[in-house]
């Protein structure tokens, strides 16, 4: 009898552990706000104030483990506005990121003194 109970108990513990591990993960998808069919690839998804994070795959999907250190999930992507979401008991979420504002062209100018000006400055010192 004991021979049959131990394998069943081990199987039960493994099944419960697998269910709890899945419950501790958040799955979701990140898409562009103006185009629902366009998934965003490589979006940074991380817990605020921690180093725990992941990125979205080719379908815009991600999976991240819950943490006790933070309940705020941050989504950031180059060219898009960052978005944050307080996570309570959600297991699956869909996030829409909005394209960021464009800035106009910036021109940086710097003048270099000519060798004649440098020579005059050096001569004045001595």
Foldseek 3Di string as FASTA:
>chain_A
DVVVVVVVVVVVVVVVVVVVQLQQKAKEFEAAPVDRQHGDFFKWKDFPPDPFTDTAHPRRMDMGGHDPVHQKIWTDDPQWDIDIDGHDRHRYDYHHIYGDDDDDDDDDDDDDDDPVVVVVVVVVVD
